[in-house]
Amino acid sequence: MFSQPNCRRDFHIGIICALPFEYNAMSRVVDEFWDGAQAGKVGRDPNTYSFGRIGDWNVVFVHLSSTGKVSAAIAAANLRMSFSNLELVLLIGVCGGVPTTPSGEEISLGDVVISSSIVQHDIGGPFSDGFVDRHNFLDRVGKPSKNILNFVTLLGTDRGREMLEDRAAVHLAGLQSHTRTAGREQLGQQPPQDNNSLDDTSRLRAHSPLVFVGCIGSGENKMSAEQRDGLAKAYGIIAFEREAAGAWDEVPCIIVKGVCDYADGLQNAEWQATAATTAAAFSKALIQRYPRTDRIDTDDQLFVGGRILHDDARGVAVTR
């Protein structure tokens, strides 16, 4: 039996969703929502939060008001201030996939990508061929924490991927049986093939989605298939999305996104719900595998400028 948390210190995993349909998909894998939770937040934090439980973990959701790296950075920074005990933040949603990984594996619509590193592709000066100068950018973005780096490295092994795929398949089966009210469309099931909306219908497949771990490109500029392939080849990128560059340096972050198009400037709205659903299923599987660590209780005192700040029962810093 799980008890409802009563302070912000009890939340150790955060989840960021940029779009409502991404949150809708993720909400369906939550084991329990703490709708009555009054954890509060620090002053001047504009974020709106909701709370729940996935497995043994209390999770806090933050809802973005708009897409893009600036919105994600602001939300992540405020999330970190209000919930200082977070060990892991997942940025969950949809992305554009690179058709073929650096190792030659095919990425299909509905598959899921997990970040091992981030490259931002919308800064620097453009060249005549439309590409962007990325010199030494990996050093500028920084690296994830040791805990997250080691965890993602494990997920990227053959056994790690297989375990995630097997566990996600169970969650996905449950999501597929859940019928939405709007249109009575089953979540997670592949939409009908439409030769007019997809360049390569041979990439549609009926078997369970796969997971890929690697470098994710982040930026808000649209690109052609040629530009996508050039960046992917230069930096080993397996997918492109819009928010990761903003959140990456603010919180201990892993990006989990479902592939809804091929990052070639041709959006595929029909696959968005499916991709969001597979991302949600894999995110739950990831959270269930995330290792717990022993926590040492302290007197919750923080010395700032010669004064002692304490956390009250809800985790709000006040001066005594």
Protein backbone atom coordinates (compact mmCIF):
# COMPACT_ATOMS: atom_id res chain seq x y z
CA MET A 1 0.00 0.00 0.00
CA PHE A 2 1.43 3.35 -1.03
CA SER A 3 0.80 6.49 0.97
CA GLN A 4 0.39 9.89 -0.62
CA PRO A 5 3.51 12.05 -0.26
CA ASN A 6 3.10 15.18 1.81
CA CYS A 7 6.18 17.19 0.87
CA ARG A 8 8.28 18.00 -2.16
CA ARG A 9 11.25 16.09 -0.75
CA ASP A 10 9.33 12.87 -1.41
CA PHE A 11 9.44 13.32 -5.19
CA HIS A 12 12.54 11.95 -6.92
CA ILE A 13 11.51 11.66 -10.59
CA GLY A 14 10.23 14.50 -12.77
CA ILE A 15 8.49 14.22 -16.13
CA ILE A 16 8.32 17.00 -18.73
CA CYS A 17 5.83 16.84 -21.61
CA ALA A 18 5.72 19.65 -24.16
CA LEU A 19 2.37 18.91 -25.81
CA PRO A 20 -1.03 17.85 -24.43
CA PHE A 21 -1.22 14.61 -26.43
CA GLU A 22 2.21 13.63 -25.06
CA TYR A 23 0.96 14.14 -21.50
CA ASN A 24 -2.29 12.32 -22.31
CA ALA A 25 -0.33 9.25 -23.41
CA MET A 26 1.98 9.39 -20.40
CA SER A 27 -0.90 9.80 -17.96
CA ARG A 28 -2.24 6.41 -19.03
CA VAL A 29 0.80 4.56 -17.70
CA VAL A 30 0.68 6.26 -14.29
CA ASP A 31 -0.23 3.71 -11.62
CA GLU A 32 -1.85 6.27 -9.35
CA PHE A 33 -2.43 10.02 -9.43
CA TRP A 34 -2.07 12.04 -6.24
CA ASP A 35 -4.82 14.49 -7.16
CA GLY A 36 -5.08 15.72 -3.59
CA ALA A 37 -1.36 16.33 -3.15
CA GLN A 38 -0.53 19.81 -1.91
CA ALA A 39 3.24 19.75 -2.32
CA GLY A 40 3.31 23.39 -3.36
CA LYS A 41 6.25 25.10 -5.04
CA VAL A 42 8.76 27.85 -4.34
CA GLY A 43 7.80 31.48 -4.77
CA ARG A 44 7.92 32.84 -8.32
CA ASP A 45 7.84 29.35 -9.83
CA PRO A 46 5.34 29.71 -12.71
CA ASN A 47 5.14 25.98 -13.46
CA THR A 48 1.94 23.99 -13.09
CA TYR A 49 2.46 20.55 -11.58
CA SER A 50 0.55 17.32 -11.18
CA PHE A 51 1.62 14.36 -9.08
CA GLY A 52 1.43 10.60 -9.24
CA ARG A 53 3.16 7.27 -8.78
CA ILE A 54 4.82 4.93 -11.27
CA GLY A 55 5.93 1.71 -9.63
CA ASP A 56 7.71 2.59 -6.40
CA TRP A 57 8.49 6.14 -7.50
CA ASN A 58 6.59 9.33 -6.77
CA VAL A 59 6.65 11.43 -9.93
CA VAL A 60 5.95 15.10 -10.58
CA PHE A 61 4.71 16.25 -14.00
CA VAL A 62 5.47 19.70 -15.35
CA HIS A 63 3.37 20.98 -18.23
CA LEU A 64 4.99 23.32 -20.79
CA SER A 65 3.02 26.28 -22.08
CA SER A 66 4.80 26.10 -25.45
CA THR A 67 7.29 23.94 -27.32
CA GLY A 68 10.96 24.67 -27.86
CA LYS A 69 14.19 24.85 -25.91
CA VAL A 70 13.52 28.19 -24.16
CA SER A 71 10.24 27.00 -22.66
CA ALA A 72 11.86 23.71 -21.65
CA ALA A 73 14.84 25.45 -20.04
CA ILE A 74 12.65 27.78 -17.96
CA ALA A 75 10.37 24.96 -16.86
CA ALA A 76 13.29 22.69 -15.98
CA ALA A 77 15.08 25.39 -13.98
CA ASN A 78 11.95 26.10 -11.93
CA LEU A 79 11.30 22.39 -11.49
CA ARG A 80 14.78 22.00 -10.05
CA MET A 81 14.24 24.88 -7.61
CA SER A 82 10.91 23.59 -6.32
CA PHE A 83 11.86 19.90 -6.24
CA SER A 84 15.49 19.83 -5.18
CA ASN A 85 15.56 16.07 -4.44
CA LEU A 86 14.93 15.01 -8.03
CA GLU A 87 17.32 12.29 -9.14
CA LEU A 88 16.02 11.95 -12.68
CA VAL A 89 13.94 14.01 -15.10
CA LEU A 90 12.47 12.44 -18.23
CA LEU A 91 11.63 14.58 -21.26
CA ILE A 92 8.97 12.48 -22.97
CA GLY A 93 7.17 12.94 -26.27
CA VAL A 94 7.67 12.60 -30.02
CA CYS A 95 10.55 13.24 -32.40
CA GLY A 96 11.79 12.79 -35.94
CA GLY A 97 13.95 9.73 -36.50
CA VAL A 98 16.93 9.20 -38.75
CA PRO A 99 16.02 6.30 -41.08
CA THR A 100 19.28 4.43 -40.43
CA THR A 101 21.49 4.55 -37.33
CA PRO A 102 25.30 4.88 -37.54
CA SER A 103 25.50 1.11 -36.95
CA GLY A 104 23.17 0.40 -39.87
CA GLU A 105 19.98 -0.41 -37.95
CA GLU A 106 16.67 0.77 -39.40
CA ILE A 107 14.54 3.12 -37.31
CA SER A 108 10.84 2.90 -38.13
CA LEU A 109 7.84 5.00 -37.22
CA GLY A 110 6.68 4.12 -33.72
CA ASP A 111 10.14 3.12 -32.51
CA VAL A 112 11.60 4.89 -29.46
CA VAL A 113 14.90 6.72 -28.95
CA ILE A 114 16.70 7.34 -25.66
CA SER A 115 19.41 9.97 -25.29
CA SER A 116 23.03 9.23 -24.49
CA SER A 117 24.09 12.76 -25.51
CA ILE A 118 22.69 15.92 -27.10
CA VAL A 119 23.80 18.08 -30.03
CA GLN A 120 22.05 21.38 -30.69
CA HIS A 121 21.71 22.07 -34.41
CA ASP A 122 20.20 25.56 -34.54
CA ILE A 123 23.14 27.69 -33.35
CA GLY A 124 26.23 28.93 -35.13
CA GLY A 125 26.57 30.30 -38.65
CA PRO A 126 24.97 28.64 -41.66
CA PHE A 127 27.11 27.49 -44.55
CA SER A 128 26.14 27.62 -48.21
CA ASP A 129 24.98 24.02 -48.09
CA GLY A 130 22.59 24.78 -45.24
CA PHE A 131 24.48 23.00 -42.48
CA VAL A 132 25.45 24.57 -39.18
CA ASP A 133 28.88 24.87 -37.58
CA ARG A 134 28.96 22.42 -34.67
CA HIS A 135 32.66 22.72 -33.76
CA ASN A 136 33.27 21.35 -30.24
CA PHE A 137 29.58 21.67 -29.43
CA LEU A 138 29.43 18.43 -27.48
CA ASP A 139 31.80 19.98 -24.93
CA ARG A 140 29.56 23.05 -24.64
CA VAL A 141 26.41 21.06 -23.92
CA GLY A 142 28.04 19.08 -21.12
CA LYS A 143 27.61 15.51 -20.01
CA PRO A 144 24.90 13.82 -17.94
CA SER A 145 25.61 12.86 -14.33
CA LYS A 146 27.59 9.69 -13.64
CA ASN A 147 24.47 7.91 -12.37
CA ILE A 148 22.51 8.69 -15.51
CA LEU A 149 25.45 8.05 -17.83
CA ASN A 150 26.01 4.59 -16.32
CA PHE A 151 22.29 3.82 -16.40
CA VAL A 152 21.92 4.82 -20.05
CA THR A 153 25.04 2.84 -20.94
CA LEU A 154 23.36 -0.24 -19.45
CA LEU A 155 20.15 0.48 -21.38
CA GLY A 156 22.18 0.64 -24.60
CA THR A 157 23.48 -2.92 -24.30
CA ASP A 158 21.75 -5.71 -26.20
CA ARG A 159 20.37 -7.16 -22.99
CA GLY A 160 19.33 -3.74 -21.70
CA ARG A 161 17.42 -2.98 -24.90
CA GLU A 162 15.74 -6.39 -24.93
CA MET A 163 14.60 -6.02 -21.32
CA LEU A 164 13.16 -2.57 -22.04
CA GLU A 165 11.41 -3.80 -25.18
CA ASP A 166 9.90 -6.80 -23.39
CA ARG A 167 8.65 -4.75 -20.47
CA ALA A 168 7.38 -1.93 -22.70
CA ALA A 169 5.46 -4.47 -24.80
CA VAL A 170 3.43 -5.39 -21.72
CA HIS A 171 2.60 -1.75 -21.03
CA LEU A 172 1.84 -1.11 -24.69
CA ALA A 173 -0.60 -4.00 -24.78
CA GLY A 174 -2.48 -2.39 -21.93
CA LEU A 175 -2.51 0.97 -23.66
CA GLN A 176 -3.78 -0.55 -26.90
CA SER A 177 -6.82 -1.89 -25.10
CA HIS A 178 -7.67 1.57 -23.77
CA THR A 179 -10.16 3.27 -26.07
CA ARG A 180 -10.25 7.04 -26.28
CA THR A 181 -13.59 8.80 -26.15
CA ALA A 182 -12.76 11.09 -29.06
CA GLY A 183 -13.20 9.08 -32.23
CA ARG A 184 -13.09 5.75 -30.30
CA GLU A 185 -9.56 5.33 -31.66
CA GLN A 186 -7.35 2.80 -29.91
CA LEU A 187 -4.15 4.30 -28.56
CA GLY A 188 -0.87 2.79 -29.61
CA GLN A 189 -2.21 0.99 -32.66
CA GLN A 190 -0.66 1.86 -35.97
CA PRO A 191 -2.77 4.16 -38.15
CA PRO A 192 -3.81 2.99 -41.60
CA GLN A 193 -1.20 3.28 -44.30
CA ASP A 194 -1.56 6.32 -46.52
CA ASN A 195 0.72 6.44 -49.54
CA ASN A 196 0.05 10.16 -49.91
CA SER A 197 1.28 11.05 -46.43
CA LEU A 198 4.35 8.81 -46.17
CA ASP A 199 7.37 8.79 -48.44
CA ASP A 200 8.35 5.23 -47.57
CA THR A 201 5.46 2.99 -46.59
CA SER A 202 7.81 0.01 -46.51
CA ARG A 203 9.01 1.34 -43.15
CA LEU A 204 5.63 0.69 -41.55
CA ARG A 205 5.74 -2.56 -39.68
CA ALA A 206 3.32 -4.47 -37.49
CA HIS A 207 5.67 -5.94 -34.89
CA SER A 208 6.56 -4.48 -31.51
CA PRO A 209 8.47 -1.18 -31.49
CA LEU A 210 12.22 -1.19 -30.92
CA VAL A 211 14.34 1.10 -28.75
CA PHE A 212 17.55 2.85 -29.82
CA VAL A 213 20.04 4.60 -27.52
CA GLY A 214 22.27 7.33 -28.93
CA CYS A 215 22.90 10.98 -29.67
CA ILE A 216 19.84 13.16 -30.21
CA GLY A 217 19.88 16.40 -32.18
CA SER A 218 17.91 19.26 -30.65
CA GLY A 219 16.81 22.48 -32.32
CA GLU A 220 13.88 24.38 -33.73
CA ASN A 221 15.00 24.81 -37.34
CA LYS A 222 13.31 22.72 -40.00
CA MET A 223 15.63 20.75 -42.23
CA SER A 224 15.63 18.77 -45.43
CA ALA A 225 16.42 15.08 -45.68
CA GLU A 226 19.86 16.05 -47.02
CA GLN A 227 20.60 18.28 -44.03
CA ARG A 228 19.31 15.60 -41.65
CA ASP A 229 21.59 12.99 -43.16
CA GLY A 230 24.58 15.33 -43.08
CA LEU A 231 24.18 16.13 -39.39
CA ALA A 232 23.40 12.52 -38.55
CA LYS A 233 26.56 11.33 -40.28
CA ALA A 234 28.76 14.03 -38.75
CA TYR A 235 27.64 13.54 -35.15
CA GLY A 236 26.13 10.07 -34.99
CA ILE A 237 22.63 11.48 -34.42
CA ILE A 238 19.74 9.01 -34.39
CA ALA A 239 16.81 11.45 -33.96
CA PHE A 240 15.87 15.15 -33.84
CA GLU A 241 13.54 17.03 -31.49
CA ARG A 242 12.95 20.56 -30.10
CA GLU A 243 13.22 20.73 -26.28
CA ALA A 244 16.20 18.66 -25.11
CA ALA A 245 18.84 21.38 -25.51
CA GLY A 246 16.90 23.55 -23.07
CA ALA A 247 16.39 20.96 -20.34
CA TRP A 248 19.69 19.08 -20.61
CA ASP A 249 21.88 21.48 -18.61
CA GLU A 250 19.19 22.35 -16.05
CA VAL A 251 18.26 18.95 -14.62
CA PRO A 252 19.58 15.35 -14.59
CA CYS A 253 17.81 14.42 -17.78
CA ILE A 254 17.08 11.51 -20.12
CA ILE A 255 15.18 12.08 -23.37
CA VAL A 256 12.63 9.40 -24.29
CA LYS A 257 10.78 10.06 -27.54
CA GLY A 258 8.73 8.10 -30.03
CA VAL A 259 9.45 8.48 -33.74
CA CYS A 260 6.50 10.08 -35.57
CA ASP A 261 8.28 11.25 -38.75
CA TYR A 262 11.70 11.22 -40.42
CA ALA A 263 12.91 14.76 -39.59
CA ASP A 264 12.82 15.76 -43.26
CA GLY A 265 10.39 18.69 -43.04
CA LEU A 266 7.37 16.47 -43.75
CA GLN A 267 5.32 16.23 -40.56
CA ASN A 268 3.19 13.13 -40.08
CA ALA A 269 0.36 13.98 -37.67
CA GLU A 270 -1.20 10.54 -38.08
CA TRP A 271 1.70 8.94 -36.23
CA GLN A 272 1.94 11.41 -33.34
CA ALA A 273 -0.47 9.63 -30.98
CA THR A 274 1.13 6.27 -31.75
CA ALA A 275 4.65 7.59 -31.16
CA ALA A 276 3.62 9.32 -27.93
CA THR A 277 2.08 6.08 -26.71
CA THR A 278 5.17 3.98 -27.42
CA ALA A 279 7.32 6.64 -25.71
CA ALA A 280 5.05 6.44 -22.65
CA ALA A 281 5.28 2.65 -22.52
CA PHE A 282 9.08 2.70 -22.75
CA SER A 283 9.29 5.52 -20.19
CA LYS A 284 7.38 3.44 -17.66
CA ALA A 285 9.66 0.49 -18.37
CA LEU A 286 12.70 2.75 -17.89
CA ILE A 287 11.40 4.13 -14.58
CA GLN A 288 10.78 0.60 -13.32
CA ARG A 289 14.40 -0.25 -14.09
CA TYR A 290 15.91 2.92 -12.60
CA PRO A 291 18.03 1.89 -9.59
CA ARG A 292 17.09 3.08 -6.13
CA THR A 293 19.78 4.57 -3.92
CA ASP A 294 19.98 4.81 -0.15
CA ARG A 295 18.98 8.24 1.08
CA ILE A 296 20.47 9.82 4.18
CA ASP A 297 18.05 11.98 6.12
CA THR A 298 19.47 15.30 7.30
CA ASP A 299 18.15 18.05 9.50
CA ASP A 300 17.23 19.86 6.26
CA GLN A 301 19.25 22.92 7.16
CA LEU A 302 20.85 25.05 4.49
CA PHE A 303 23.30 27.84 5.32
CA VAL A 304 23.00 30.80 2.97
CA GLY A 305 24.67 34.14 3.62
CA GLY A 306 25.21 33.39 7.30
CA ARG A 307 21.55 32.46 7.87
CA ILE A 308 20.05 29.04 8.39
CA LEU A 309 17.25 28.12 6.04
CA HIS A 310 15.02 25.16 6.91
CA ASP A 311 12.56 23.20 4.82
CA ASP A 312 9.09 23.18 6.32
CA ALA A 313 6.75 20.18 6.11
CA ARG A 314 6.01 20.89 2.46
CA GLY A 315 9.58 21.50 1.41
CA VAL A 316 9.33 25.30 1.21
CA ALA A 317 12.47 27.16 2.26
CA VAL A 318 11.77 29.69 5.01
CA THR A 319 13.94 31.69 7.40
CA ARG A 320 13.75 30.80 11.08
